[in-house]
Protein backbone atom coordinates (compact mmCIF):
# COMPACT_ATOMS: atom_id res chain seq x y z
CA MET A 1 42.83 -27.75 -16.66
CA ILE A 2 42.90 -31.41 -13.96
CA GLU A 3 44.11 -34.58 -15.27
CA PRO A 4 41.03 -36.98 -16.09
CA HIS A 5 42.20 -39.37 -13.54
CA LYS A 6 41.93 -36.77 -10.98
CA LEU A 7 38.56 -36.18 -11.44
CA ASN A 8 37.21 -39.43 -10.65
CA GLN A 9 38.75 -38.69 -6.95
CA LEU A 10 36.66 -36.17 -6.47
CA GLN A 11 33.31 -36.04 -4.31
CA PRO A 12 30.35 -36.36 -6.85
CA GLY A 13 29.10 -32.36 -6.42
CA GLN A 14 32.89 -31.43 -6.66
CA LYS A 15 33.71 -33.24 -9.36
CA ARG A 16 30.48 -31.51 -11.24
CA ARG A 17 31.21 -28.15 -10.73
CA LYS A 18 35.27 -28.63 -11.59
CA LEU A 19 34.00 -30.27 -15.01
CA ALA A 20 31.35 -27.79 -15.41
CA LEU A 21 34.40 -24.76 -14.83
CA THR A 22 37.15 -26.99 -16.85
CA PHE A 23 34.42 -27.29 -19.64
CA GLY A 24 33.61 -23.54 -19.91
CA ALA A 25 38.00 -23.05 -19.98
CA LEU A 26 37.71 -25.15 -22.69
CA GLU A 27 34.51 -23.77 -24.51
CA ARG A 28 36.64 -20.42 -24.53
CA ASP A 29 40.03 -21.96 -25.69
CA VAL A 30 38.49 -23.68 -28.75
CA ALA A 31 36.82 -19.90 -29.49
CA GLY A 32 40.50 -18.55 -29.49
CA ILE A 33 40.05 -16.25 -26.51
CA ALA A 34 41.09 -18.06 -23.59
CA GLU A 35 41.71 -16.22 -20.24
CA LYS A 36 45.34 -15.82 -19.78
CA GLY A 37 46.64 -18.74 -17.88
CA SER A 38 43.62 -20.73 -18.73
CA GLU A 39 44.95 -21.87 -22.16
CA TYR A 40 45.28 -25.44 -23.06
CA SER A 41 48.45 -26.86 -21.88
CA PHE A 42 48.76 -30.60 -21.99
CA LYS A 43 51.39 -31.78 -24.22
CA SER A 44 50.67 -35.80 -23.61
CA ILE A 45 47.29 -35.44 -25.05
CA SER A 46 45.44 -33.44 -27.67
CA ARG A 47 42.52 -31.20 -26.64
CA ALA A 48 40.04 -32.97 -28.49
CA ASP A 49 41.17 -36.30 -27.19
CA TYR A 50 41.34 -34.72 -23.65
CA ILE A 51 37.52 -33.48 -24.13
CA LYS A 52 36.33 -36.82 -25.28
CA LYS A 53 37.86 -38.28 -22.05
CA LEU A 54 35.94 -35.74 -19.70
CA LEU A 55 32.44 -36.41 -21.69
CA GLU A 56 33.24 -39.84 -20.98
CA ILE A 57 33.44 -39.14 -17.00
CA VAL A 58 30.37 -37.34 -17.21
CA MET A 59 28.28 -39.78 -19.05
CA GLN A 60 29.11 -42.01 -16.13
CA ASP A 61 27.35 -39.99 -13.86
CA SER A 62 24.26 -41.26 -12.37
CA GLU A 63 22.78 -38.12 -12.42
CA LEU A 64 22.48 -37.56 -15.91
CA PRO A 65 19.35 -37.93 -17.68
CA SER A 66 19.24 -40.03 -20.32
CA VAL A 67 18.31 -37.70 -22.98
CA ALA A 68 21.66 -35.94 -22.15
CA LYS A 69 23.62 -39.01 -21.95
CA GLU A 70 22.08 -40.07 -26.03
CA GLN A 71 23.09 -36.02 -26.96
CA LEU A 72 26.57 -36.52 -25.70
CA GLU A 73 27.00 -40.18 -27.11
CA ASN A 74 26.10 -38.57 -30.57
CA VAL A 75 28.83 -35.71 -30.19
CA LEU A 76 31.28 -37.76 -29.34
CA LYS A 77 30.06 -40.54 -32.57
CA THR A 78 29.91 -37.15 -35.05
CA LEU A 79 32.90 -36.44 -37.29
CA PRO A 80 34.56 -34.10 -37.19
CA PHE A 81 34.09 -34.07 -33.71
CA ASP A 82 32.66 -30.62 -32.57
CA GLU A 83 34.94 -29.93 -29.54
CA LYS A 84 33.18 -26.47 -29.05
CA ARG A 85 29.59 -27.86 -29.21
CA ALA A 86 30.60 -31.26 -26.85
CA CYS A 87 32.23 -28.69 -24.00
CA ASN A 88 28.76 -26.89 -24.28
CA LEU A 89 26.42 -29.90 -24.00
CA ALA A 90 28.56 -31.25 -21.52
CA ARG A 91 28.81 -27.76 -19.21
CA ASN A 92 24.95 -26.84 -19.48
CA ASN A 93 23.66 -30.77 -19.10
CA LEU A 94 26.22 -30.18 -15.82
CA LEU A 95 24.99 -27.24 -14.19
CA ALA A 96 21.16 -28.56 -15.14
CA ILE A 97 22.36 -31.28 -12.43
CA LEU A 98 23.65 -28.52 -9.71
CA GLY A 99 20.49 -27.13 -9.94
CA THR A 100 22.27 -23.67 -11.15
CA PHE A 101 21.85 -21.75 -14.82
CA PRO A 102 25.09 -20.20 -16.49
CA ALA A 103 25.68 -16.78 -15.73
CA GLU A 104 26.08 -14.43 -18.31
CA TRP A 105 29.46 -13.69 -17.71
CA ASP A 106 29.93 -17.18 -18.64
CA LEU A 107 28.65 -16.54 -21.80
CA VAL A 108 31.53 -17.12 -24.86
CA ILE A 109 32.18 -13.39 -26.82
CA ALA A 110 34.07 -12.19 -28.92
CA PRO A 111 38.09 -10.97 -27.90
CA HIS A 112 38.45 -7.24 -26.78
CA ALA A 113 39.91 -4.88 -29.58
CA SER A 114 41.43 -2.87 -27.63
CA PRO A 115 44.87 -2.88 -26.96
CA VAL A 116 46.17 -4.67 -23.99
CA ASP A 117 49.98 -5.28 -22.02
CA GLU A 118 52.09 -7.69 -21.39
CA ALA A 119 50.24 -9.13 -18.85
CA GLY A 120 46.73 -9.09 -21.17
CA MET A 121 45.25 -6.15 -19.34
CA VAL A 122 43.38 -3.57 -21.26
CA LYS A 123 45.15 -0.44 -21.66
CA ALA A 124 42.52 1.46 -22.49
CA ARG A 125 38.98 1.12 -23.74
CA GLY A 126 37.39 2.32 -27.19
CA PHE A 127 34.59 4.76 -27.52
CA PHE A 128 33.19 7.40 -28.92
CA PRO A 129 34.08 10.41 -27.55
CA ASN A 130 31.23 12.84 -25.95
CA VAL A 131 28.30 10.02 -26.35
CA TYR A 132 26.99 9.70 -23.33
CA VAL A 133 23.20 8.08 -21.92
CA TYR A 134 21.42 9.77 -19.40
CA ALA A 135 19.54 6.97 -17.34
CA GLU A 136 16.77 8.85 -15.36
CA ASP A 137 15.72 6.83 -12.41
CA ILE A 138 16.09 3.29 -13.23
CA ARG A 139 14.65 1.07 -10.74
CA SER A 140 15.47 -2.50 -11.48
CA PRO A 141 18.92 -3.57 -11.08
CA PHE A 142 19.11 -5.98 -14.01
CA ASN A 143 18.06 -3.09 -16.15
CA CYS A 144 20.62 -0.86 -14.27
CA GLY A 145 23.35 -3.20 -15.51
CA SER A 146 22.04 -3.99 -18.84
CA ILE A 147 22.28 -0.72 -19.76
CA PHE A 148 25.79 -0.24 -18.89
CA ARG A 149 26.58 -3.38 -20.15
CA THR A 150 25.31 -2.03 -24.00
CA ALA A 151 26.71 1.64 -23.63
CA GLU A 152 30.13 -0.02 -22.71
CA ALA A 153 29.72 -2.32 -25.90
CA MET A 154 28.25 0.17 -28.22
CA GLY A 155 30.98 2.65 -27.17
CA ALA A 156 29.55 5.56 -24.93
CA GLU A 157 31.88 7.74 -23.44
CA LYS A 158 30.38 7.14 -20.25
CA VAL A 159 26.95 6.52 -18.17
CA LEU A 160 25.14 9.46 -16.16
CA ILE A 161 22.28 8.51 -13.99
CA SER A 162 19.91 10.23 -12.20
CA PRO A 163 20.01 10.75 -8.01
CA LEU A 164 16.97 8.20 -7.87
CA CYS A 165 18.45 5.50 -10.60
CA ILE A 166 19.09 2.49 -8.43
CA ASP A 167 22.64 1.77 -7.15
CA PRO A 168 24.83 0.43 -10.07
CA HIS A 169 27.19 -1.49 -7.40
CA HIS A 170 24.03 -3.36 -6.49
CA PRO A 171 24.63 -7.18 -6.66
CA LYS A 172 21.99 -7.96 -9.40
CA ALA A 173 23.00 -4.47 -11.41
CA LEU A 174 26.78 -5.92 -11.35
CA ARG A 175 25.81 -9.68 -12.68
CA SER A 176 23.71 -8.04 -15.65
CA GLY A 177 26.13 -5.51 -16.07
CA MET A 178 29.11 -8.33 -16.74
CA GLY A 179 31.75 -5.98 -15.55
CA CYS A 180 31.07 -3.03 -17.44
CA ILE A 181 29.80 -0.97 -14.45
CA GLU A 182 33.56 -0.75 -13.28
CA THR A 183 34.64 -0.32 -16.92
CA ILE A 184 32.78 2.68 -18.33
CA GLY A 185 32.24 4.46 -14.81
CA PHE A 186 29.28 6.52 -14.28
CA GLU A 187 28.20 9.90 -12.57
CA ARG A 188 25.49 11.08 -10.70
CA LYS A 189 23.45 13.70 -11.87
CA SER A 190 20.20 15.66 -11.55
CA VAL A 191 18.44 17.20 -15.03
CA GLY A 192 20.13 20.34 -14.05
CA GLU A 193 23.14 19.37 -13.61
CA LEU A 194 22.82 17.46 -16.80
CA LYS A 195 22.19 20.64 -18.47
CA ASP A 196 25.04 22.25 -17.14
CA PHE A 197 27.26 19.18 -17.82
CA ALA A 198 25.94 19.57 -21.61
CA LYS A 199 26.18 23.41 -22.04
CA GLU A 200 30.28 22.98 -20.90
CA ARG A 201 31.01 20.50 -23.77
CA ASP A 202 28.39 21.86 -26.45
CA LEU A 203 26.32 18.34 -26.36
CA PRO A 204 23.01 18.41 -27.69
CA ILE A 205 20.20 16.30 -25.43
CA PHE A 206 17.57 14.10 -27.30
CA VAL A 207 15.35 11.70 -25.46
CA LEU A 208 14.06 7.83 -26.20
CA GLU A 209 10.44 8.23 -25.70
CA THR A 210 7.39 7.80 -27.21
CA GLY A 211 5.51 10.09 -29.54
CA GLY A 212 8.92 11.28 -31.41
CA THR A 213 10.55 10.68 -34.44
CA PRO A 214 10.74 7.51 -35.89
CA ILE A 215 14.26 5.67 -35.31
CA GLU A 216 14.57 5.43 -38.89
CA GLU A 217 14.31 9.21 -39.64
CA PHE A 218 15.82 10.57 -36.96
CA LYS A 219 19.21 12.67 -37.45
CA PHE A 220 21.29 11.31 -34.85
CA PRO A 221 24.04 13.57 -33.51
CA PRO A 222 27.65 13.41 -34.03
CA LYS A 223 27.83 13.78 -30.18
CA GLY A 224 25.49 14.19 -27.23
CA ILE A 225 23.58 12.78 -24.49
CA CYS A 226 20.53 10.44 -24.68
CA ILE A 227 18.06 10.62 -22.10
CA ILE A 228 16.11 7.32 -20.96
CA GLY A 229 13.48 7.48 -18.71
CA SER A 230 12.19 4.96 -15.61
CA GLU A 231 10.52 1.37 -16.08
CA GLU A 232 7.10 2.78 -15.22
CA LEU A 233 6.66 6.64 -15.76
CA GLY A 234 9.59 7.00 -18.66
CA VAL A 235 11.20 10.11 -19.09
CA SER A 236 10.11 13.10 -16.53
CA PRO A 237 8.40 16.02 -17.76
CA GLU A 238 11.94 17.88 -16.65
CA ALA A 239 13.67 15.90 -18.62
CA LEU A 240 11.89 16.22 -21.62
CA ASP A 241 12.43 20.31 -21.78
CA ALA A 242 16.07 19.94 -21.43
CA ALA A 243 16.19 17.48 -24.91
CA THR A 244 16.36 20.64 -27.07
CA TYR A 245 17.88 18.04 -29.17
CA GLY A 246 14.76 16.49 -29.88
CA ARG A 247 12.76 13.02 -29.37
CA VAL A 248 13.49 9.52 -31.21
CA SER A 249 10.87 6.65 -30.76
CA ILE A 250 11.35 3.47 -32.14
CA PRO A 251 7.80 2.38 -34.13
CA MET A 252 5.77 -0.84 -32.84
CA LYS A 253 3.29 -2.53 -34.30
CA GLY A 254 2.41 -5.44 -31.52
CA LEU A 255 -0.49 -5.14 -29.32
CA LYS A 256 1.00 -4.40 -26.46
CA ALA A 257 3.65 -1.73 -28.49
CA SER A 258 6.18 -1.81 -25.48
CA LEU A 259 9.98 -2.52 -24.64
CA ASN A 260 12.08 -3.14 -22.12
CA VAL A 261 13.79 -0.06 -21.24
CA GLY A 262 17.07 -1.66 -21.39
CA VAL A 263 15.97 -3.29 -25.00
CA ALA A 264 14.86 -0.17 -26.50
CA TYR A 265 17.96 1.67 -25.14
CA GLY A 266 20.21 -1.21 -27.32
CA ILE A 267 17.87 -0.52 -30.51
CA VAL A 268 18.86 2.94 -30.30
CA MET A 269 21.98 3.11 -29.38
CA GLN A 270 22.74 0.53 -32.28
CA ALA A 271 20.92 2.96 -34.92
CA TRP A 272 23.08 6.08 -33.49
CA VAL A 273 26.67 3.84 -33.63
CA ASN A 274 25.59 3.41 -37.33
CA SER A 275 24.75 7.38 -37.64
CA LEU A 276 28.64 7.51 -36.30
CA GLN A 277 30.32 5.36 -38.52
CA LYS A 278 29.16 6.91 -41.15
CA LEU A 279 30.64 10.30 -40.26
């Protein structure tokens, strides 16, 4: 956090960037999930009044569109004062002036339920043991990161990827993965190696592909590996043969009848988790 009067000493571009970062930190503080060391700490002024002072600085920006200024003025006048909305509006308007967009990791998310140590670091992530996803030949780094993010959020133990899958450390994969690639970890395996991996752990293998059992009728296993295929070709014949537990499909009514692979995996993973939680 920075004293309001010090902001006025900064150059316009630097001031906007600093304000945008400050509003982001304040938004997380309002939500009760402030990052360690960035909690609101000024004792001489309440957080609400501090936010109002920052809004006044933003409204003085000559690059701020009139519509945006009117929005912020209305927020200031509305009672009770909505701190979270004020921070969000101000931050996004500043980012628009700067010509950037809020990155996914800036979004306010729920606090992590895993135990943390005295420094606020997560000791161990929670997951469903022996629940895996095998990403076969995913080419898009954004899809790759999205798959890792979903797998981590939904409690998969680890992500397994094929030899031809995009490198998860690709900058765009890391961006869409929102830190989950480092958190959950991964192993590269051929389909043959995947079968050996499953046999050693007595894990059933099933695939997400068209022409299978509708998701609402599919009996998800208590442990196993879900194979998802490439964006263009789907699951390979070799991987289909490895899926001795069966094939699950998502019924669709649209003309295109097509889903992004990351979205499709999210739908199936949620259904699998619902099944696991009933055990």
